[in-house]
C-alpha atoms as a PDB file:
ATOM      1  CA  MET A   1     -25.533  33.713  -2.113  1.00  0.00           C
ATOM      2  CA  LYS A   2     -22.905  35.210  -4.392  1.00  0.00           C
ATOM      3  CA  GLN A   3     -20.233  32.851  -3.049  1.00  0.00           C
ATOM      4  CA  THR A   4     -22.492  29.881  -3.745  1.00  0.00           C
ATOM      5  CA  LYS A   5     -22.753  30.973  -7.386  1.00  0.00           C
ATOM      6  CA  ASN A   6     -18.989  31.354  -7.570  1.00  0.00           C
ATOM      7  CA  ILE A   7     -18.559  27.720  -6.509  1.00  0.00           C
ATOM      8  CA  PHE A   8     -21.596  26.292  -8.316  1.00  0.00           C
ATOM      9  CA  PHE A   9     -20.607  27.049 -11.918  1.00  0.00           C
ATOM     10  CA  PRO A  10     -17.031  25.719 -11.791  1.00  0.00           C
ATOM     11  CA  VAL A  11     -18.267  22.516 -10.153  1.00  0.00           C
ATOM     12  CA  ILE A  12     -20.949  22.068 -12.811  1.00  0.00           C
ATOM     13  CA  PHE A  13     -18.384  22.782 -15.540  1.00  0.00           C
ATOM     14  CA  ILE A  14     -15.974  20.153 -14.191  1.00  0.00           C
ATOM     15  CA  LEU A  15     -18.817  17.663 -13.839  1.00  0.00           C
ATOM     16  CA  ILE A  16     -19.871  18.196 -17.456  1.00  0.00           C
ATOM     17  CA  ILE A  17     -16.270  17.799 -18.686  1.00  0.00           C
ATOM     18  CA  CYS A  18     -15.950  14.538 -16.724  1.00  0.00           C
ATOM     19  CA  LEU A  19     -19.229  13.222 -18.119  1.00  0.00           C
ATOM     20  CA  ILE A  20     -18.136  14.027 -21.663  1.00  0.00           C
ATOM     21  CA  PHE A  21     -14.732  12.433 -21.133  1.00  0.00           C
ATOM     22  CA  PHE A  22     -16.160   9.241 -19.594  1.00  0.00           C
ATOM     23  CA  SER A  23     -19.297   9.033 -21.724  1.00  0.00           C
ATOM     24  CA  ARG A  24     -18.044   5.894 -23.493  1.00  0.00           C
ATOM     25  CA  LEU A  25     -18.362   4.036 -20.193  1.00  0.00           C
ATOM     26  CA  PHE A  26     -22.116   4.601 -20.101  1.00  0.00           C
ATOM     27  CA  TYR A  27     -23.256   5.090 -23.693  1.00  0.00           C
ATOM     28  CA  PRO A  28     -24.456   3.148 -25.747  1.00  0.00           C
ATOM     29  CA  LYS A  29     -24.123   0.407 -23.123  1.00  0.00           C
ATOM     30  CA  PRO A  30     -22.130   0.105 -19.901  1.00  0.00           C
ATOM     31  CA  SER A  31     -18.686  -1.350 -20.539  1.00  0.00           C
ATOM     32  CA  LEU A  32     -15.196  -1.606 -19.124  1.00  0.00           C
ATOM     33  CA  PHE A  33     -12.030  -0.643 -20.936  1.00  0.00           C
ATOM     34  CA  TYR A  34      -8.919  -2.730 -20.660  1.00  0.00           C
ATOM     35  CA  THR A  35      -5.587  -2.902 -22.361  1.00  0.00           C
ATOM     36  CA  PRO A  36      -4.494  -6.142 -23.972  1.00  0.00           C
ATOM     37  CA  ASP A  37      -1.927  -8.106 -22.017  1.00  0.00           C
ATOM     38  CA  PHE A  38       0.703  -8.816 -24.651  1.00  0.00           C
ATOM     39  CA  GLY A  39       3.090 -10.546 -22.284  1.00  0.00           C
ATOM     40  CA  ARG A  40       0.394 -12.754 -20.784  1.00  0.00           C
ATOM     41  CA  SER A  41       0.526 -11.570 -17.176  1.00  0.00           C
ATOM     42  CA  ASP A  42       2.605 -11.469 -14.027  1.00  0.00           C
ATOM     43  CA  ILE A  43       1.902 -15.116 -13.392  1.00  0.00           C
ATOM     44  CA  TRP A  44       3.913 -16.066 -16.501  1.00  0.00           C
ATOM     45  CA  ASN A  45       6.543 -13.339 -16.353  1.00  0.00           C
ATOM     46  CA  PHE A  46       7.225 -13.212 -12.623  1.00  0.00           C
ATOM     47  CA  ASN A  47       5.481 -15.755 -10.394  1.00  0.00           C
ATOM     48  CA  TYR A  48       6.348 -18.973 -12.239  1.00  0.00           C
ATOM     49  CA  PRO A  49      10.033 -18.069 -12.701  1.00  0.00           C
ATOM     50  CA  ILE A  50      10.534 -17.178  -9.043  1.00  0.00           C
ATOM     51  CA  LYS A  51       8.750 -20.344  -7.900  1.00  0.00           C
ATOM     52  CA  ASP A  52      10.965 -22.360 -10.237  1.00  0.00           C
ATOM     53  CA  PHE A  53      14.054 -20.626  -8.856  1.00  0.00           C
ATOM     54  CA  LEU A  54      12.889 -21.376  -5.311  1.00  0.00           C
ATOM     55  CA  ALA A  55      12.254 -25.018  -6.137  1.00  0.00           C
ATOM     56  CA  ARG A  56      15.686 -25.443  -7.750  1.00  0.00           C
ATOM     57  CA  SER A  57      17.373 -23.729  -4.805  1.00  0.00           C
ATOM     58  CA  LEU A  58      15.571 -25.841  -2.218  1.00  0.00           C
ATOM     59  CA  ARG A  59      16.386 -29.057  -4.126  1.00  0.00           C
ATOM     60  CA  SER A  60      20.055 -28.134  -3.982  1.00  0.00           C
ATOM     61  CA  GLY A  61      19.793 -27.541  -0.220  1.00  0.00           C
ATOM     62  CA  GLN A  62      19.903 -23.735  -0.210  1.00  0.00           C
ATOM     63  CA  LEU A  63      17.449 -21.120   1.033  1.00  0.00           C
ATOM     64  CA  PRO A  64      17.705 -18.199  -1.401  1.00  0.00           C
ATOM     65  CA  PHE A  65      17.888 -14.862   0.393  1.00  0.00           C
ATOM     66  CA  TRP A  66      18.984 -12.856  -2.638  1.00  0.00           C
ATOM     67  CA  SER A  67      18.791 -13.413  -6.370  1.00  0.00           C
ATOM     68  CA  LYS A  68      21.367 -11.752  -8.582  1.00  0.00           C
ATOM     69  CA  ASP A  69      19.460 -12.813 -11.717  1.00  0.00           C
ATOM     70  CA  VAL A  70      16.789 -10.091 -11.493  1.00  0.00           C
ATOM     71  CA  ALA A  71      18.046  -6.626 -12.488  1.00  0.00           C
ATOM     72  CA  THR A  72      20.872  -5.656 -10.118  1.00  0.00           C
ATOM     73  CA  GLY A  73      19.643  -7.969  -7.386  1.00  0.00           C
ATOM     74  CA  PHE A  74      16.392  -8.949  -5.757  1.00  0.00           C
ATOM     75  CA  PRO A  75      15.561  -9.650  -2.091  1.00  0.00           C
ATOM     76  CA  PHE A  76      14.146 -13.065  -2.790  1.00  0.00           C
ATOM     77  CA  LEU A  77      13.159 -14.150   0.701  1.00  0.00           C
ATOM     78  CA  ALA A  78      11.405 -10.812   1.354  1.00  0.00           C
ATOM     79  CA  GLU A  79       9.141 -11.226  -1.700  1.00  0.00           C
ATOM     80  CA  GLY A  80       5.589 -11.832  -0.513  1.00  0.00           C
ATOM     81  CA  ARG A  81       4.319 -13.482  -3.689  1.00  0.00           C
ATOM     82  CA  ILE A  82       6.781 -16.365  -3.516  1.00  0.00           C
ATOM     83  CA  GLN A  83       5.041 -17.853  -0.447  1.00  0.00           C
ATOM     84  CA  ALA A  84       8.200 -19.480   0.810  1.00  0.00           C
END
């Protein structure tokens, strides 16, 4: 019984702290928090440019395996979001 008390109070304390911390999710009405997307999203900043690069490369008769234009290099053909 004593060991149950030793575990019970810390668990209740942590639960109360979590409820206080996340109370804005439930009171006064349920809501979700989000951060504004200042740079639009990945579709504008990543997906469209790589699809454009793929299209230009294929029009010129090349299959791009690697792109030196992204950081220090990017494995272009291994990217799953390009759907090549």
